[in-house]
Amino acid sequence: MTGGNKVTKKVIIKGSKGYKSMSIHKNGKKHHSKRRKLSDSEIETIKNGKFIPGLFSNVNENSKTKKNRK
């Protein structure tokens, strides 16, 4: 088997604003990426060095259509 998926998750904070992003690579090529704004509470928690379980749960790698979101 060659190739496969690679998922890269990043958090960037500059001053009082920031974002979280997720990129999916398939066979060495960028396939999909999403980016979401960090909330103020998430930024404070990250700056304090605490772990946030489920931080990337709303940055879905497989987005569903409006009809199938339920």
PDB file of N, CA and C in Angstrom:
ATOM      1  N   MET A   1       0.848  -1.181   0.000  1.00  0.00           N
ATOM      2  CA  MET A   1       0.000   0.000   0.000  1.00  0.00           C
ATOM      3  C   MET A   1       0.889   1.239   0.000  1.00  0.00           C
ATOM      4  N   THR A   2       0.595   2.165  -0.866  1.00  0.00           N
ATOM      5  CA  THR A   2       1.337   3.411  -0.901  1.00  0.00           C
ATOM      6  C   THR A   2       0.394   4.570  -0.639  1.00  0.00           C
ATOM      7  N   GLY A   3       0.942   5.698  -0.229  1.00  0.00           N
ATOM      8  CA  GLY A   3       0.116   6.880   0.004  1.00  0.00           C
ATOM      9  C   GLY A   3      -0.591   6.822   1.336  1.00  0.00           C
ATOM     10  N   GLY A   4      -1.838   7.186   1.344  1.00  0.00           N
ATOM     11  CA  GLY A   4      -2.614   7.230   2.567  1.00  0.00           C
ATOM     12  C   GLY A   4      -2.887   8.667   2.956  1.00  0.00           C
ATOM     13  N   ASN A   5      -3.588   8.843   4.052  1.00  0.00           N
ATOM     14  CA  ASN A   5      -3.960  10.184   4.504  1.00  0.00           C
ATOM     15  C   ASN A   5      -3.031  10.670   5.595  1.00  0.00           C
ATOM     16  N   LYS A   6      -2.755  11.961   5.584  1.00  0.00           N
ATOM     17  CA  LYS A   6      -2.006  12.607   6.651  1.00  0.00           C
ATOM     18  C   LYS A   6      -2.842  13.799   7.104  1.00  0.00           C
ATOM     19  N   VAL A   7      -3.108  13.891   8.391  1.00  0.00           N
ATOM     20  CA  VAL A   7      -3.913  14.987   8.924  1.00  0.00           C
ATOM     21  C   VAL A   7      -3.015  15.885   9.760  1.00  0.00           C
ATOM     22  N   THR A   8      -3.013  17.174   9.448  1.00  0.00           N
ATOM     23  CA  THR A   8      -2.221  18.155  10.176  1.00  0.00           C
ATOM     24  C   THR A   8      -3.163  19.116  10.877  1.00  0.00           C
ATOM     25  N   LYS A   9      -3.013  19.241  12.199  1.00  0.00           N
ATOM     26  CA  LYS A   9      -3.844  20.158  12.974  1.00  0.00           C
ATOM     27  C   LYS A   9      -2.961  21.258  13.536  1.00  0.00           C
ATOM     28  N   LYS A  10      -3.405  22.522  13.394  1.00  0.00           N
ATOM     29  CA  LYS A  10      -2.606  23.662  13.836  1.00  0.00           C
ATOM     30  C   LYS A  10      -3.472  24.636  14.615  1.00  0.00           C
ATOM     31  N   VAL A  11      -2.835  25.315  15.576  1.00  0.00           N
ATOM     32  CA  VAL A  11      -3.462  26.412  16.306  1.00  0.00           C
ATOM     33  C   VAL A  11      -2.517  27.597  16.233  1.00  0.00           C
ATOM     34  N   ILE A  12      -3.023  28.742  15.766  1.00  0.00           N
ATOM     35  CA  ILE A  12      -2.239  29.967  15.641  1.00  0.00           C
ATOM     36  C   ILE A  12      -2.903  31.046  16.491  1.00  0.00           C
ATOM     37  N   ILE A  13      -2.123  31.693  17.371  1.00  0.00           N
ATOM     38  CA  ILE A  13      -2.635  32.792  18.190  1.00  0.00           C
ATOM     39  C   ILE A  13      -1.705  33.981  18.009  1.00  0.00           C
ATOM     40  N   LYS A  14      -2.282  35.111  17.628  1.00  0.00           N
ATOM     41  CA  LYS A  14      -1.539  36.370  17.515  1.00  0.00           C
ATOM     42  C   LYS A  14      -2.284  37.413  18.313  1.00  0.00           C
ATOM     43  N   GLY A  15      -1.706  37.794  19.438  1.00  0.00           N
ATOM     44  CA  GLY A  15      -2.356  38.786  20.292  1.00  0.00           C
ATOM     45  C   GLY A  15      -3.608  38.228  20.930  1.00  0.00           C
ATOM     46  N   SER A  16      -4.749  38.850  20.651  1.00  0.00           N
ATOM     47  CA  SER A  16      -6.003  38.412  21.260  1.00  0.00           C
ATOM     48  C   SER A  16      -6.877  37.628  20.287  1.00  0.00           C
ATOM     49  N   LYS A  17      -6.370  37.345  19.087  1.00  0.00           N
ATOM     50  CA  LYS A  17      -7.146  36.598  18.104  1.00  0.00           C
ATOM     51  C   LYS A  17      -6.378  35.360  17.680  1.00  0.00           C
ATOM     52  N   GLY A  18      -7.117  34.378  17.153  1.00  0.00           N
ATOM     53  CA  GLY A  18      -6.450  33.162  16.703  1.00  0.00           C
ATOM     54  C   GLY A  18      -7.391  32.273  15.926  1.00  0.00           C
ATOM     55  N   TYR A  19      -6.825  31.217  15.341  1.00  0.00           N
ATOM     56  CA  TYR A  19      -7.637  30.266  14.608  1.00  0.00           C
ATOM     57  C   TYR A  19      -7.045  28.874  14.741  1.00  0.00           C
ATOM     58  N   LYS A  20      -7.873  27.888  14.432  1.00  0.00           N
ATOM     59  CA  LYS A  20      -7.446  26.487  14.404  1.00  0.00           C
ATOM     60  C   LYS A  20      -7.724  25.977  12.998  1.00  0.00           C
ATOM     61  N   SER A  21      -6.821  25.159  12.488  1.00  0.00           N
ATOM     62  CA  SER A  21      -6.989  24.662  11.132  1.00  0.00           C
ATOM     63  C   SER A  21      -6.621  23.189  11.060  1.00  0.00           C
ATOM     64  N   MET A  22      -7.223  22.518  10.069  1.00  0.00           N
ATOM     65  CA  MET A  22      -6.970  21.104   9.839  1.00  0.00           C
ATOM     66  C   MET A  22      -6.777  20.907   8.347  1.00  0.00           C
ATOM     67  N   SER A  23      -5.681  20.251   7.940  1.00  0.00           N
ATOM     68  CA  SER A  23      -5.394  19.974   6.534  1.00  0.00           C
ATOM     69  C   SER A  23      -5.274  18.473   6.345  1.00  0.00           C
ATOM     70  N   ILE A  24      -5.866  17.975   5.272  1.00  0.00           N
ATOM     71  CA  ILE A  24      -5.778  16.562   4.949  1.00  0.00           C
ATOM     72  C   ILE A  24      -4.987  16.411   3.661  1.00  0.00           C
ATOM     73  N   HIS A  25      -3.966  15.567   3.692  1.00  0.00           N
ATOM     74  CA  HIS A  25      -3.133  15.289   2.525  1.00  0.00           C
ATOM     75  C   HIS A  25      -3.381  13.856   2.089  1.00  0.00           C
ATOM     76  N   LYS A  26      -3.587  13.667   0.801  1.00  0.00           N
ATOM     77  CA  LYS A  26      -3.741  12.324   0.241  1.00  0.00           C
ATOM     78  C   LYS A  26      -2.678  12.133  -0.829  1.00  0.00           C
ATOM     79  N   ASN A  27      -1.907  11.086  -0.704  1.00  0.00           N
ATOM     80  CA  ASN A  27      -0.853  10.744  -1.660  1.00  0.00           C
ATOM     81  C   ASN A  27       0.100  11.909  -1.895  1.00  0.00           C
ATOM     82  N   GLY A  28       0.443  12.609  -0.826  1.00  0.00           N
ATOM     83  CA  GLY A  28       1.411  13.692  -0.910  1.00  0.00           C
ATOM     84  C   GLY A  28       0.857  15.009  -1.405  1.00  0.00           C
ATOM     85  N   LYS A  29      -0.441  15.086  -1.695  1.00  0.00           N
ATOM     86  CA  LYS A  29      -1.043  16.318  -2.187  1.00  0.00           C
ATOM     87  C   LYS A  29      -2.096  16.813  -1.201  1.00  0.00           C
ATOM     88  N   LYS A  30      -2.209  18.130  -1.066  1.00  0.00           N
ATOM     89  CA  LYS A  30      -3.215  18.707  -0.175  1.00  0.00           C
ATOM     90  C   LYS A  30      -4.593  18.470  -0.773  1.00  0.00           C
ATOM     91  N   HIS A  31      -5.433  17.792  -0.006  1.00  0.00           N
ATOM     92  CA  HIS A  31      -6.746  17.401  -0.496  1.00  0.00           C
ATOM     93  C   HIS A  31      -7.839  18.324   0.026  1.00  0.00           C
ATOM     94  N   HIS A  32      -7.751  18.702   1.284  1.00  0.00           N
ATOM     95  CA  HIS A  32      -8.847  19.428   1.911  1.00  0.00           C
ATOM     96  C   HIS A  32      -8.297  20.196   3.105  1.00  0.00           C
ATOM     97  N   SER A  33      -8.829  21.381   3.364  1.00  0.00           N
ATOM     98  CA  SER A  33      -8.434  22.103   4.571  1.00  0.00           C
ATOM     99  C   SER A  33      -9.593  22.958   5.044  1.00  0.00           C
ATOM    100  N   LYS A  34      -9.696  23.098   6.357  1.00  0.00           N
ATOM    101  CA  LYS A  34     -10.725  23.925   6.973  1.00  0.00           C
ATOM    102  C   LYS A  34     -10.094  24.759   8.063  1.00  0.00           C
ATOM    103  N   ARG A  35     -10.723  25.894   8.345  1.00  0.00           N
ATOM    104  CA  ARG A  35     -10.192  26.826   9.324  1.00  0.00           C
ATOM    105  C   ARG A  35     -11.342  27.435  10.103  1.00  0.00           C
ATOM    106  N   ARG A  36     -11.190  27.526  11.427  1.00  0.00           N
ATOM    107  CA  ARG A  36     -12.217  28.094  12.288  1.00  0.00           C
ATOM    108  C   ARG A  36     -11.581  29.076  13.264  1.00  0.00           C
ATOM    109  N   LYS A  37     -12.330  30.079  13.655  1.00  0.00           N
ATOM    110  CA  LYS A  37     -11.867  31.065  14.622  1.00  0.00           C
ATOM    111  C   LYS A  37     -11.892  30.456  16.021  1.00  0.00           C
ATOM    112  N   LEU A  38     -10.898  30.794  16.846  1.00  0.00           N
ATOM    113  CA  LEU A  38     -10.874  30.345  18.238  1.00  0.00           C
ATOM    114  C   LEU A  38     -11.714  31.291  19.085  1.00  0.00           C
ATOM    115  N   SER A  39     -12.449  30.728  20.046  1.00  0.00           N
ATOM    116  CA  SER A  39     -13.214  31.565  20.961  1.00  0.00           C
ATOM    117  C   SER A  39     -12.276  32.163  22.008  1.00  0.00           C
ATOM    118  N   ASP A  40     -12.749  33.173  22.711  1.00  0.00           N
ATOM    119  CA  ASP A  40     -11.920  33.832  23.725  1.00  0.00           C
ATOM    120  C   ASP A  40     -11.541  32.869  24.846  1.00  0.00           C
ATOM    121  N   SER A  41     -12.483  31.998  25.244  1.00  0.00           N
ATOM    122  CA  SER A  41     -12.181  31.041  26.315  1.00  0.00           C
ATOM    123  C   SER A  41     -11.142  30.015  25.854  1.00  0.00           C
ATOM    124  N   GLU A  42     -11.210  29.587  24.598  1.00  0.00           N
ATOM    125  CA  GLU A  42     -10.223  28.643  24.067  1.00  0.00           C
ATOM    126  C   GLU A  42      -8.838  29.279  24.025  1.00  0.00           C
ATOM    127  N   ILE A  43      -8.752  30.557  23.640  1.00  0.00           N
ATOM    128  CA  ILE A  43      -7.470  31.249  23.580  1.00  0.00           C
ATOM    129  C   ILE A  43      -6.855  31.351  24.968  1.00  0.00           C
ATOM    130  N   GLU A  44      -7.654  31.711  25.970  1.00  0.00           N
ATOM    131  CA  GLU A  44      -7.144  31.822  27.340  1.00  0.00           C
ATOM    132  C   GLU A  44      -6.664  30.469  27.867  1.00  0.00           C
ATOM    133  N   THR A  45      -7.415  29.407  27.585  1.00  0.00           N
ATOM    134  CA  THR A  45      -7.041  28.076  28.051  1.00  0.00           C
ATOM    135  C   THR A  45      -5.737  27.614  27.407  1.00  0.00           C
ATOM    136  N   ILE A  46      -5.563  27.887  26.119  1.00  0.00           N
ATOM    137  CA  ILE A  46      -4.336  27.498  25.415  1.00  0.00           C
ATOM    138  C   ILE A  46      -3.147  28.302  25.938  1.00  0.00           C
ATOM    139  N   LYS A  47      -3.356  29.596  26.185  1.00  0.00           N
ATOM    140  CA  LYS A  47      -2.266  30.425  26.715  1.00  0.00           C
ATOM    141  C   LYS A  47      -1.827  29.965  28.104  1.00  0.00           C
ATOM    142  N   ASN A  48      -2.759  29.399  28.884  1.00  0.00           N
ATOM    143  CA  ASN A  48      -2.421  28.866  30.206  1.00  0.00           C
ATOM    144  C   ASN A  48      -1.774  27.494  30.125  1.00  0.00           C
ATOM    145  N   GLY A  49      -1.708  26.920  28.926  1.00  0.00           N
ATOM    146  CA  GLY A  49      -1.030  25.635  28.729  1.00  0.00           C
ATOM    147  C   GLY A  49      -1.867  24.437  29.097  1.00  0.00           C
ATOM    148  N   LYS A  50      -3.197  24.563  29.060  1.00  0.00           N
ATOM    149  CA  LYS A  50      -4.062  23.445  29.425  1.00  0.00           C
ATOM    150  C   LYS A  50      -4.564  22.738  28.177  1.00  0.00           C
ATOM    151  N   PHE A  51      -4.837  21.435  28.328  1.00  0.00           N
ATOM    152  CA  PHE A  51      -5.333  20.608  27.239  1.00  0.00           C
ATOM    153  C   PHE A  51      -6.838  20.813  27.083  1.00  0.00           C
ATOM    154  N   ILE A  52      -7.302  20.934  25.837  1.00  0.00           N
ATOM    155  CA  ILE A  52      -8.730  21.075  25.563  1.00  0.00           C
ATOM    156  C   ILE A  52      -9.188  19.840  24.792  1.00  0.00           C
ATOM    157  N   PRO A  53      -9.924  18.930  25.454  1.00  0.00           N
ATOM    158  CA  PRO A  53     -10.401  17.759  24.715  1.00  0.00           C
ATOM    159  C   PRO A  53     -11.458  18.172  23.696  1.00  0.00           C
ATOM    160  N   GLY A  54     -11.363  17.645  22.496  1.00  0.00           N
ATOM    161  CA  GLY A  54     -12.342  17.942  21.450  1.00  0.00           C
ATOM    162  C   GLY A  54     -12.197  19.318  20.837  1.00  0.00           C
ATOM    163  N   LEU A  55     -11.001  19.881  20.863  1.00  0.00           N
ATOM    164  CA  LEU A  55     -10.792  21.219  20.308  1.00  0.00           C
ATOM    165  C   LEU A  55     -11.095  21.255  18.816  1.00  0.00           C
ATOM    166  N   PHE A  56     -10.732  20.193  18.095  1.00  0.00           N
ATOM    167  CA  PHE A  56     -10.916  20.170  16.653  1.00  0.00           C
ATOM    168  C   PHE A  56     -12.188  19.436  16.229  1.00  0.00           C
ATOM    169  N   SER A  57     -13.123  19.193  17.163  1.00  0.00           N
ATOM    170  CA  SER A  57     -14.317  18.427  16.807  1.00  0.00           C
ATOM    171  C   SER A  57     -15.225  19.181  15.848  1.00  0.00           C
ATOM    172  N   ASN A  58     -15.237  20.535  15.914  1.00  0.00           N
ATOM    173  CA  ASN A  58     -16.092  21.268  14.989  1.00  0.00           C
ATOM    174  C   ASN A  58     -15.380  21.622  13.686  1.00  0.00           C
ATOM    175  N   VAL A  59     -14.119  21.253  13.552  1.00  0.00           N
ATOM    176  CA  VAL A  59     -13.405  21.426  12.285  1.00  0.00           C
ATOM    177  C   VAL A  59     -13.410  20.056  11.616  1.00  0.00           C
ATOM    178  N   ASN A  60     -14.565  19.691  11.070  1.00  0.00           N
ATOM    179  CA  ASN A  60     -14.722  18.348  10.509  1.00  0.00           C
ATOM    180  C   ASN A  60     -13.919  18.196   9.242  1.00  0.00           C
ATOM    181  N   GLU A  61     -13.285  17.034   9.099  1.00  0.00           N
ATOM    182  CA  GLU A  61     -12.589  16.758   7.859  1.00  0.00           C
ATOM    183  C   GLU A  61     -13.578  16.350   6.776  1.00  0.00           C
ATOM    184  N   ASN A  62     -14.708  15.757   7.150  1.00  0.00           N
ATOM    185  CA  ASN A  62     -15.741  15.378   6.188  1.00  0.00           C
ATOM    186  C   ASN A  62     -16.964  16.236   6.439  1.00  0.00           C
ATOM    187  N   SER A  63     -17.099  17.317   5.696  1.00  0.00           N
ATOM    188  CA  SER A  63     -18.250  18.171   5.879  1.00  0.00           C
ATOM    189  C   SER A  63     -19.450  17.539   5.175  1.00  0.00           C
ATOM    190  N   LYS A  64     -20.597  17.630   5.821  1.00  0.00           N
ATOM    191  CA  LYS A  64     -21.801  17.047   5.250  1.00  0.00           C
ATOM    192  C   LYS A  64     -22.613  18.129   4.563  1.00  0.00           C
ATOM    193  N   THR A  65     -23.457  17.713   3.664  1.00  0.00           N
ATOM    194  CA  THR A  65     -24.344  18.650   3.009  1.00  0.00           C
ATOM    195  C   THR A  65     -25.406  19.114   3.983  1.00  0.00           C
ATOM    196  N   LYS A  66     -26.094  20.192   3.658  1.00  0.00           N
ATOM    197  CA  LYS A  66     -27.111  20.740   4.537  1.00  0.00           C
ATOM    198  C   LYS A  66     -28.200  19.715   4.840  1.00  0.00           C
ATOM    199  N   LYS A  67     -28.501  18.883   3.863  1.00  0.00           N
ATOM    200  CA  LYS A  67     -29.553  17.881   4.015  1.00  0.00           C
ATOM    201  C   LYS A  67     -29.156  16.788   5.005  1.00  0.00           C
ATOM    202  N   ASN A  68     -27.872  16.437   5.077  1.00  0.00           N
ATOM    203  CA  ASN A  68     -27.422  15.281   5.867  1.00  0.00           C
ATOM    204  C   ASN A  68     -26.749  15.657   7.178  1.00  0.00           C
ATOM    205  N   ARG A  69     -26.976  16.848   7.714  1.00  0.00           N
ATOM    206  CA  ARG A  69     -26.272  17.282   8.923  1.00  0.00           C
ATOM    207  C   ARG A  69     -26.805  16.672  10.202  1.00  0.00           C
ATOM    208  N   LYS A  70     -27.970  16.069  10.190  1.00  0.00           N
ATOM    209  CA  LYS A  70     -28.602  15.558  11.428  1.00  0.00           C
ATOM    210  C   LYS A  70     -27.940  14.382  12.019  1.00  0.00           C
TER     211      LYS A  70
END
